Amino acid sequence: MPSSSPPQDQRTHIIIVGAGIIGVCTAYYLTRHPKFSQETHKITIIESTRPASGASGKAGGLLALWAFPSQLVPLSFKLHEELAEQYNGEEEWGYRRLQTVSLEGNLTKNARKTKKKSDIGLPDDLDWVRNDIMESWSKLSGKDSTAQVHPYKFTMFMLRRAQESGVNLVLGKVLKLNYSSKGNAVESVIYQPVGSSVDASNGDRSSALDSQSRIMQGDKIVVTVGPWTSRLLPTCPVSGLRAHSITITPSRPVSAYALFTELKLAKGKYTSPEIYARKDEVYICGEGDNYVEVPETTDDVEVLKERCEELVKYSGIVSNELQSGRITRRQACYLPVVDVPSTSGPLIGHTNSQNLYMASGHSCWGINNAPGTGKVMAEILLDGEATSADLTSLDPRKYFVSGNFQCD
């Protein structure tokens, strides 16, 4: 049977499951809340592999005031700016403002012959995009409403700040939430410490509870595991969408743009890579897929070589600087999406179970909305309600019922 942890002190113990950007920002803003004190509160983040090992380390990091949901975006965009000013984000995690444009190109055999840049009027500083394949472009947003961060660097920086304020990081895979005898409240989590010999990869999660698993008692438990949410909350309508991406060090520095492309390959056939120029590299991602279910951990995510090679090919056609650049990463991650027609998510706040909270389903805007999510979660956990944003339509209790529904 699982071994229980030694008796804890009398502080309120908040357990955050998942050390991605949402969990880390929740921990950070808890430590900045006026009611937080290390004498009265204990915060533990428990992570199954490594911090930022999923989308929090592999996403594009685009920030935009035109993202969704509208209830959260203005707050989070402002907090990103404030954090960058407070901690020198430009140097620490690549924060900067940038412009966003839409590009339409023609890669068919019958595409028009080479034309001058003035034919479609591309901005002068967008000189790393080939003119001869582009047919039109439009400005989507400027530096007043669009910015970027390097997700991994941002997440790790925020984690270090949280740890400096007393947050504890535990490496272990949470196998189960322990409910009260009535099934209406969560009292603890059962987890498998990283490095133990217990193997739950065969899908029989209860079998891993018989050896080398531990119980961590908590007063408030927050689930921030993104596409893995339904592993702990089976009725929660959050699933995973796999997204492939690559990073390239270009042959020369390129200007700060995010490009949303639509490239015609043949009649009725298009591809639409997104290309984000960072300070010292360029990030390229493709369309998502749900061909493969979310695996056990981030270490088990399958990266399809052909999907990455497509991104290499088409980004190289768009830009000579990318074609002659050096590929530094081929990777894939899962984005957490809410499978409810009436909302695009995320789901943030209390669940139907006492002491159990969640923040998940941020789709492609998790990095964008992480500071805002962390701040409102801190308010919910320490004040009882969110005051910085109206989360009424994002309340998890509107979309699923949590609880211990397992049969003996």
Protein backbone atom coordinates (compact mmCIF):
# COMPACT_ATOMS: atom_id res chain seq x y z
CA MET A 1 0.00 0.00 0.00
CA PRO A 2 1.15 3.60 -0.49
CA SER A 3 3.32 4.98 2.25
CA SER A 4 2.03 8.16 3.82
CA SER A 5 4.29 11.18 4.21
CA PRO A 6 5.42 12.09 7.72
CA PRO A 7 2.99 14.33 9.65
CA GLN A 8 3.07 17.81 8.14
CA ASP A 9 3.04 21.13 9.93
CA GLN A 10 -0.16 23.07 10.42
CA ARG A 11 0.29 25.36 7.44
CA THR A 12 -2.29 25.33 4.64
CA HIS A 13 -0.81 23.03 2.02
CA ILE A 14 -1.56 23.89 -1.62
CA ILE A 15 -0.54 21.16 -4.07
CA ILE A 16 -0.19 22.14 -7.72
CA VAL A 17 -0.09 19.15 -10.06
CA GLY A 18 1.98 20.01 -13.13
CA ALA A 19 5.05 22.23 -13.58
CA GLY A 20 4.09 23.69 -16.92
CA ILE A 21 3.62 27.41 -17.38
CA ILE A 22 0.11 27.42 -15.85
CA GLY A 23 1.15 25.60 -12.68
CA VAL A 24 4.33 27.65 -12.34
CA CYS A 25 2.52 30.98 -12.77
CA THR A 26 -0.09 29.88 -10.25
CA ALA A 27 2.67 29.16 -7.74
CA TYR A 28 4.42 32.45 -8.51
CA TYR A 29 1.32 34.59 -8.03
CA LEU A 30 0.37 32.74 -4.88
CA THR A 31 3.67 33.86 -3.38
CA ARG A 32 2.93 37.46 -4.43
CA HIS A 33 -0.57 37.52 -2.95
CA PRO A 34 -1.00 39.77 0.12
CA LYS A 35 -2.40 36.88 2.16
CA PHE A 36 0.50 34.55 1.44
CA SER A 37 3.10 33.88 4.10
CA GLN A 38 5.58 31.04 4.38
CA GLU A 39 4.54 30.83 8.03
CA THR A 40 0.92 30.04 7.14
CA HIS A 41 1.12 28.48 3.68
CA LYS A 42 3.06 25.70 2.05
CA ILE A 43 3.09 25.30 -1.75
CA THR A 44 4.23 22.17 -3.55
CA ILE A 45 4.43 21.67 -7.31
CA ILE A 46 4.55 18.03 -8.31
CA GLU A 47 5.75 17.24 -11.83
CA SER A 48 5.90 13.86 -13.57
CA THR A 49 9.00 14.44 -15.72
CA ARG A 50 10.66 17.87 -15.85
CA PRO A 51 9.34 21.43 -15.65
CA ALA A 52 8.22 22.83 -19.01
CA SER A 53 8.72 19.48 -20.74
CA GLY A 54 5.49 19.77 -22.74
CA ALA A 55 3.94 22.66 -24.63
CA SER A 56 5.34 25.08 -22.04
CA GLY A 57 8.77 24.40 -23.48
CA LYS A 58 7.86 23.76 -27.10
CA ALA A 59 5.16 26.30 -28.00
CA GLY A 60 5.67 29.40 -30.11
CA GLY A 61 5.33 31.96 -27.34
CA LEU A 62 3.22 34.45 -29.29
CA LEU A 63 1.42 37.03 -27.14
CA ALA A 64 -1.55 38.95 -28.53
CA LEU A 65 -4.33 41.22 -27.34
CA TRP A 66 -6.52 39.64 -30.03
CA ALA A 67 -6.18 36.15 -28.55
CA PHE A 68 -8.95 34.41 -26.61
CA PRO A 69 -10.70 34.32 -24.19
CA SER A 70 -11.46 38.02 -23.97
CA GLN A 71 -12.10 37.73 -20.22
CA LEU A 72 -8.46 36.88 -19.57
CA VAL A 73 -6.34 38.23 -22.41
CA PRO A 74 -6.09 41.95 -21.47
CA LEU A 75 -5.05 41.10 -17.92
CA SER A 76 -2.48 38.53 -19.00
CA PHE A 77 -0.99 40.67 -21.77
CA LYS A 78 -0.50 43.49 -19.27
CA LEU A 79 1.07 41.14 -16.72
CA HIS A 80 3.53 39.88 -19.36
CA GLU A 81 4.60 43.45 -19.94
CA GLU A 82 4.92 44.16 -16.22
CA LEU A 83 6.96 41.01 -15.59
CA ALA A 84 9.30 41.89 -18.46
CA GLU A 85 9.85 45.35 -17.02
CA GLN A 86 10.36 44.03 -13.49
CA TYR A 87 12.78 41.22 -14.35
CA ASN A 88 14.45 42.40 -17.58
CA GLY A 89 12.43 39.96 -19.65
CA GLU A 90 14.08 41.09 -22.87
CA GLU A 91 17.33 39.49 -21.76
CA GLU A 92 15.99 36.74 -19.48
CA TRP A 93 13.31 35.18 -21.72
CA GLY A 94 13.36 36.99 -25.04
CA TYR A 95 10.38 39.27 -24.46
CA ARG A 96 9.87 41.76 -27.25
CA ARG A 97 7.13 43.41 -29.28
CA LEU A 98 6.69 42.34 -32.89
CA GLN A 99 4.46 42.74 -35.91
CA THR A 100 2.18 40.09 -37.35
CA VAL A 101 1.30 39.68 -41.01
CA SER A 102 -0.62 37.25 -43.17
CA LEU A 103 1.08 35.99 -46.34
CA GLU A 104 -0.46 34.18 -49.29
CA GLY A 105 1.88 32.38 -51.63
CA ASN A 106 1.70 30.18 -54.71
CA LEU A 107 4.01 27.17 -54.96
CA THR A 108 2.32 25.50 -57.91
CA LYS A 109 4.15 24.72 -61.14
CA ASN A 110 2.10 27.36 -62.91
CA ALA A 111 2.86 30.08 -60.37
CA ARG A 112 3.57 33.49 -61.77
CA LYS A 113 7.12 34.39 -62.65
CA THR A 114 9.44 36.30 -60.31
CA LYS A 115 8.13 39.74 -59.42
CA LYS A 116 9.57 42.68 -57.55
CA LYS A 117 8.78 43.27 -53.91
CA SER A 118 6.99 46.50 -54.81
CA ASP A 119 4.37 44.43 -56.66
CA ILE A 120 2.73 43.48 -53.37
CA GLY A 121 4.31 46.12 -51.16
CA LEU A 122 5.92 44.01 -48.46
CA PRO A 123 7.37 46.07 -45.58
CA ASP A 124 10.98 47.07 -46.21
CA ASP A 125 12.24 45.30 -43.11
CA LEU A 126 10.52 42.04 -44.05
CA ASP A 127 13.44 41.39 -46.36
CA TRP A 128 13.90 37.76 -45.38
CA VAL A 129 10.74 36.59 -47.18
CA ARG A 130 10.97 35.62 -50.84
CA ASN A 131 8.99 37.88 -53.15
CA ASP A 132 8.68 35.60 -56.12
CA ILE A 133 6.25 33.18 -54.49
CA MET A 134 4.08 35.69 -52.62
CA GLU A 135 0.84 36.92 -54.15
CA SER A 136 -0.58 39.07 -51.35
CA TRP A 137 -0.14 40.09 -47.76
CA SER A 138 -1.99 41.95 -45.04
CA LYS A 139 -1.09 43.36 -41.66
CA LEU A 140 -2.78 41.53 -38.79
CA SER A 141 -1.39 43.48 -35.83
CA GLY A 142 1.39 45.78 -34.76
CA LYS A 143 3.74 46.09 -31.83
CA ASP A 144 1.04 47.75 -29.75
CA SER A 145 -0.92 44.49 -29.52
CA THR A 146 1.56 41.68 -30.21
CA ALA A 147 4.64 40.43 -28.41
CA GLN A 148 6.53 37.20 -27.79
CA VAL A 149 8.48 35.24 -25.21
CA HIS A 150 10.64 32.14 -25.31
CA PRO A 151 8.28 29.76 -23.46
CA TYR A 152 10.89 27.49 -21.88
CA LYS A 153 13.04 30.37 -20.64
CA PHE A 154 9.99 32.19 -19.30
CA THR A 155 8.64 29.14 -17.48
CA MET A 156 11.98 28.28 -15.88
CA PHE A 157 12.59 31.87 -14.81
CA MET A 158 9.19 32.08 -13.14
CA LEU A 159 9.77 28.72 -11.45
CA ARG A 160 13.04 29.95 -9.96
CA ARG A 161 11.33 33.08 -8.62
CA ALA A 162 8.60 30.92 -7.07
CA GLN A 163 11.16 28.59 -5.49
CA GLU A 164 13.03 31.55 -4.04
CA SER A 165 9.77 32.40 -2.25
CA GLY A 166 9.48 28.96 -0.70
CA VAL A 167 7.71 26.87 -3.35
CA ASN A 168 8.81 23.24 -3.29
CA LEU A 169 9.21 21.18 -6.49
CA VAL A 170 8.68 17.41 -6.25
CA LEU A 171 9.38 15.12 -9.20
CA GLY A 172 6.74 12.42 -9.25
CA LYS A 173 3.89 11.20 -11.39
CA VAL A 174 0.48 11.72 -9.80
CA LEU A 175 -1.47 8.51 -10.26
CA LYS A 176 -4.66 9.30 -8.46
CA LEU A 177 -6.59 11.88 -6.47
CA ASN A 178 -7.69 10.56 -3.08
CA TYR A 179 -11.30 11.44 -2.30
CA SER A 180 -13.07 11.43 1.05
CA SER A 181 -15.29 8.52 2.01
CA LYS A 182 -18.30 10.38 0.64
CA GLY A 183 -16.48 11.09 -2.62
CA ASN A 184 -17.19 14.81 -2.53
CA ALA A 185 -13.80 16.15 -1.42
CA VAL A 186 -10.18 15.57 -2.39
CA GLU A 187 -7.85 15.02 0.54
CA SER A 188 -4.54 13.95 -1.01
CA VAL A 189 -2.74 12.73 -4.10
CA ILE A 190 -1.01 9.41 -4.68
CA TYR A 191 2.15 9.75 -6.70
CA GLN A 192 5.02 7.68 -8.00
CA PRO A 193 8.40 9.32 -7.32
CA VAL A 194 10.54 9.75 -10.40
CA GLY A 195 13.01 6.88 -10.62
CA SER A 196 10.87 4.29 -8.84
CA SER A 197 10.41 0.90 -10.48
CA VAL A 198 6.62 1.05 -10.53
CA ASP A 199 5.30 1.05 -14.09
CA ALA A 200 1.79 2.34 -14.78
CA SER A 201 2.31 2.65 -18.52
CA ASN A 202 0.04 -0.33 -19.23
CA GLY A 203 -2.96 1.80 -18.38
CA ASP A 204 -3.87 0.00 -15.13
CA ARG A 205 -3.31 2.95 -12.85
CA SER A 206 -4.50 1.17 -9.70
CA SER A 207 -1.79 -1.46 -10.02
CA ALA A 208 0.87 1.12 -9.38
CA LEU A 209 -0.55 1.86 -5.94
CA ASP A 210 0.77 -1.35 -4.38
CA SER A 211 4.49 -0.55 -4.32
CA GLN A 212 6.76 2.47 -4.02
CA SER A 213 3.96 5.01 -4.26
CA ARG A 214 3.42 7.80 -1.79
CA ILE A 215 0.59 9.87 -0.43
CA MET A 216 0.85 13.66 -0.24
CA GLN A 217 -1.78 15.31 1.92
CA GLY A 218 -3.10 18.65 0.77
CA ASP A 219 -5.68 21.22 1.84
CA LYS A 220 -6.17 22.55 -1.68
CA ILE A 221 -5.20 20.69 -4.84
CA VAL A 222 -4.89 22.37 -8.23
CA VAL A 223 -4.77 20.34 -11.45
CA THR A 224 -2.71 22.11 -14.13
CA VAL A 225 -1.64 19.22 -16.33
CA GLY A 226 -3.02 20.48 -19.65
CA PRO A 227 -3.84 17.66 -22.08
CA TRP A 228 -3.35 15.11 -19.29
CA THR A 229 -6.24 16.55 -17.27
CA SER A 230 -8.68 13.73 -18.02
CA ARG A 231 -6.20 11.20 -16.60
CA LEU A 232 -6.95 12.64 -13.17
CA LEU A 233 -10.44 14.00 -13.90
CA PRO A 234 -12.02 11.41 -16.24
CA THR A 235 -15.21 13.43 -16.81
CA CYS A 236 -13.37 16.64 -17.70
CA PRO A 237 -13.78 17.54 -21.42
CA VAL A 238 -10.14 18.45 -22.05
CA SER A 239 -8.15 16.50 -24.65
CA GLY A 240 -4.88 16.90 -26.51
CA LEU A 241 -4.03 18.15 -29.99
CA ARG A 242 -0.55 17.25 -31.18
CA ALA A 243 1.49 20.02 -32.77
CA HIS A 244 4.85 19.63 -34.51
CA SER A 245 7.43 22.38 -34.69
CA ILE A 246 11.03 23.10 -35.58
CA THR A 247 13.50 25.85 -34.75
CA ILE A 248 16.10 27.22 -37.14
CA THR A 249 19.03 29.52 -36.59
CA PRO A 250 18.83 31.67 -39.76
CA SER A 251 21.87 32.44 -41.86
CA ARG A 252 21.61 36.07 -40.74
CA PRO A 253 19.53 37.97 -38.17
CA VAL A 254 15.94 38.58 -39.27
CA SER A 255 13.43 41.24 -38.27
CA ALA A 256 10.76 40.77 -35.59
CA TYR A 257 7.72 39.37 -37.37
CA ALA A 258 5.20 36.61 -36.86
CA LEU A 259 4.04 35.24 -40.20
CA PHE A 260 0.76 33.43 -40.76
CA THR A 261 1.08 31.85 -44.19
CA GLU A 262 -1.22 30.15 -46.65
CA LEU A 263 0.76 28.48 -49.41
CA LYS A 264 -0.96 26.94 -52.40
CA LEU A 265 0.58 23.60 -53.34
CA ALA A 266 -1.89 22.49 -55.99
CA LYS A 267 -5.49 23.06 -56.93
CA GLY A 268 -7.46 22.91 -53.69
CA LYS A 269 -4.39 21.96 -51.64
CA TYR A 270 -2.73 24.33 -49.19
CA THR A 271 -0.29 24.32 -46.30
CA SER A 272 -0.17 26.96 -43.58
CA PRO A 273 3.00 27.01 -41.49
CA GLU A 274 3.29 29.73 -38.87
CA ILE A 275 6.72 31.36 -38.64
CA TYR A 276 7.80 33.36 -35.58
CA ALA A 277 11.12 35.20 -35.65
CA ARG A 278 12.73 35.19 -32.21
CA LYS A 279 15.77 37.13 -31.09
CA ASP A 280 18.28 34.45 -32.10
CA GLU A 281 16.22 31.78 -33.88
CA VAL A 282 13.04 31.25 -35.89
CA TYR A 283 10.22 29.00 -34.69
CA ILE A 284 8.02 27.23 -37.26
CA CYS A 285 4.93 25.17 -36.45
CA GLY A 286 2.30 23.36 -38.49
CA GLU A 287 -1.32 22.37 -38.14
CA GLY A 288 -2.30 20.13 -35.24
CA ASP A 289 -3.46 16.52 -35.41
CA ASN A 290 -5.19 14.03 -33.14
CA TYR A 291 -3.97 10.85 -34.83
CA VAL A 292 -2.34 9.60 -31.64
CA GLU A 293 -3.81 9.75 -28.15
CA VAL A 294 -2.04 11.67 -25.43
CA PRO A 295 0.72 9.36 -24.13
CA GLU A 296 1.61 8.64 -20.52
CA THR A 297 4.13 11.48 -20.16
CA THR A 298 5.83 14.19 -22.20
CA ASP A 299 8.78 11.84 -22.66
CA ASP A 300 6.53 9.51 -24.66
CA VAL A 301 5.33 12.06 -27.23
CA GLU A 302 5.92 10.69 -30.73
CA VAL A 303 7.61 13.07 -33.15
CA LEU A 304 6.87 12.31 -36.81
CA LYS A 305 9.95 12.97 -38.91
CA GLU A 306 7.90 13.61 -42.03
CA ARG A 307 5.85 16.35 -40.36
CA CYS A 308 9.01 18.13 -39.28
CA GLU A 309 10.58 17.74 -42.71
CA GLU A 310 7.52 19.38 -44.25
CA LEU A 311 8.10 22.39 -42.03
CA VAL A 312 11.77 22.45 -43.04
CA LYS A 313 10.83 22.29 -46.72
CA TYR A 314 8.15 24.97 -46.80
CA SER A 315 9.87 27.40 -44.46
CA GLY A 316 12.93 27.11 -46.68
CA ILE A 317 10.81 27.97 -49.72
CA VAL A 318 9.42 31.03 -47.93
CA SER A 319 12.84 32.31 -46.85
CA ASN A 320 16.35 31.85 -48.20
CA GLU A 321 17.68 32.72 -44.74
CA LEU A 322 15.79 29.77 -43.28
CA GLN A 323 16.72 27.45 -46.13
CA SER A 324 20.41 28.09 -45.52
CA GLY A 325 20.03 28.19 -41.75
CA ARG A 326 20.79 25.51 -39.15
CA ILE A 327 17.97 23.33 -37.83
CA THR A 328 18.25 23.15 -34.06
CA ARG A 329 15.07 21.32 -33.00
CA ARG A 330 12.50 18.90 -34.36
CA GLN A 331 9.80 18.40 -31.75
CA ALA A 332 6.13 17.85 -30.93
CA CYS A 333 3.85 18.58 -28.00
CA TYR A 334 0.17 18.37 -27.12
CA LEU A 335 -2.04 21.42 -26.72
CA PRO A 336 -4.94 21.14 -24.24
CA VAL A 337 -8.27 21.79 -25.94
CA VAL A 338 -11.77 21.95 -24.45
CA ASP A 339 -14.18 19.58 -26.20
CA VAL A 340 -17.34 21.61 -25.57
CA PRO A 341 -19.12 23.38 -28.45
CA SER A 342 -20.25 26.29 -26.29
CA THR A 343 -16.78 27.37 -25.15
CA SER A 344 -13.21 27.52 -26.41
CA GLY A 345 -11.91 27.39 -22.85
CA PRO A 346 -9.91 27.43 -20.75
CA LEU A 347 -11.59 26.04 -17.61
CA ILE A 348 -10.38 27.86 -14.51
CA GLY A 349 -11.44 27.69 -10.89
CA HIS A 350 -13.33 25.48 -8.45
CA THR A 351 -14.59 22.04 -9.43
CA ASN A 352 -17.62 20.30 -7.92
CA SER A 353 -15.32 18.53 -5.46
CA GLN A 354 -14.28 20.31 -2.31
CA ASN A 355 -10.62 21.36 -2.15
CA LEU A 356 -10.15 20.58 -5.87
CA TYR A 357 -9.38 23.25 -8.45
CA MET A 358 -8.24 23.25 -12.05
CA ALA A 359 -6.77 25.49 -14.73
CA SER A 360 -6.57 23.77 -18.10
CA GLY A 361 -7.74 23.84 -21.72
CA HIS A 362 -5.82 26.92 -22.85
CA SER A 363 -5.38 25.60 -26.39
CA CYS A 364 -2.69 27.49 -28.34
CA TRP A 365 -2.86 30.49 -25.99
CA GLY A 366 -1.45 28.91 -22.84
CA ILE A 367 1.74 30.96 -22.81
CA ASN A 368 -0.23 34.11 -23.59
CA ASN A 369 -2.72 33.56 -20.77
CA ALA A 370 -0.46 32.01 -18.14
CA PRO A 371 0.23 35.10 -15.99
CA GLY A 372 -3.44 36.04 -15.97
CA THR A 373 -4.43 32.50 -15.10
CA GLY A 374 -1.88 32.37 -12.31
CA LYS A 375 -3.07 35.63 -10.82
CA VAL A 376 -6.77 34.73 -10.81
CA MET A 377 -6.04 31.25 -9.48
CA ALA A 378 -4.11 32.82 -6.60
CA GLU A 379 -7.14 34.99 -5.86
CA ILE A 380 -9.49 32.00 -5.98
CA LEU A 381 -7.26 29.95 -3.69
CA LEU A 382 -6.55 32.66 -1.11
CA ASP A 383 -9.56 35.00 -1.41
CA GLY A 384 -12.22 32.52 -2.45
CA GLU A 385 -12.98 34.26 -5.75
CA ALA A 386 -11.30 35.90 -8.72
CA THR A 387 -11.34 39.70 -8.64
CA SER A 388 -8.96 40.61 -11.49
CA ALA A 389 -11.15 39.05 -14.20
CA ASP A 390 -14.70 37.77 -14.60
CA LEU A 391 -14.38 34.01 -15.02
CA THR A 392 -18.09 33.19 -14.91
CA SER A 393 -18.15 31.64 -18.37
CA LEU A 394 -14.91 29.71 -17.70
CA ASP A 395 -16.14 28.04 -14.51
CA PRO A 396 -15.35 24.29 -14.73
CA ARG A 397 -18.58 23.45 -12.88
CA LYS A 398 -20.57 24.58 -15.91
CA TYR A 399 -19.08 21.90 -18.13
CA PHE A 400 -18.49 18.74 -16.10
CA VAL A 401 -19.08 17.14 -12.72
CA SER A 402 -16.00 16.01 -10.83
CA GLY A 403 -15.94 13.39 -8.12
CA ASN A 404 -14.94 9.85 -7.27
CA PHE A 405 -16.94 7.78 -9.73
CA GLN A 406 -14.74 4.67 -9.63
CA CYS A 407 -16.48 1.41 -8.90
CA ASP A 408 -15.07 -1.06 -6.39
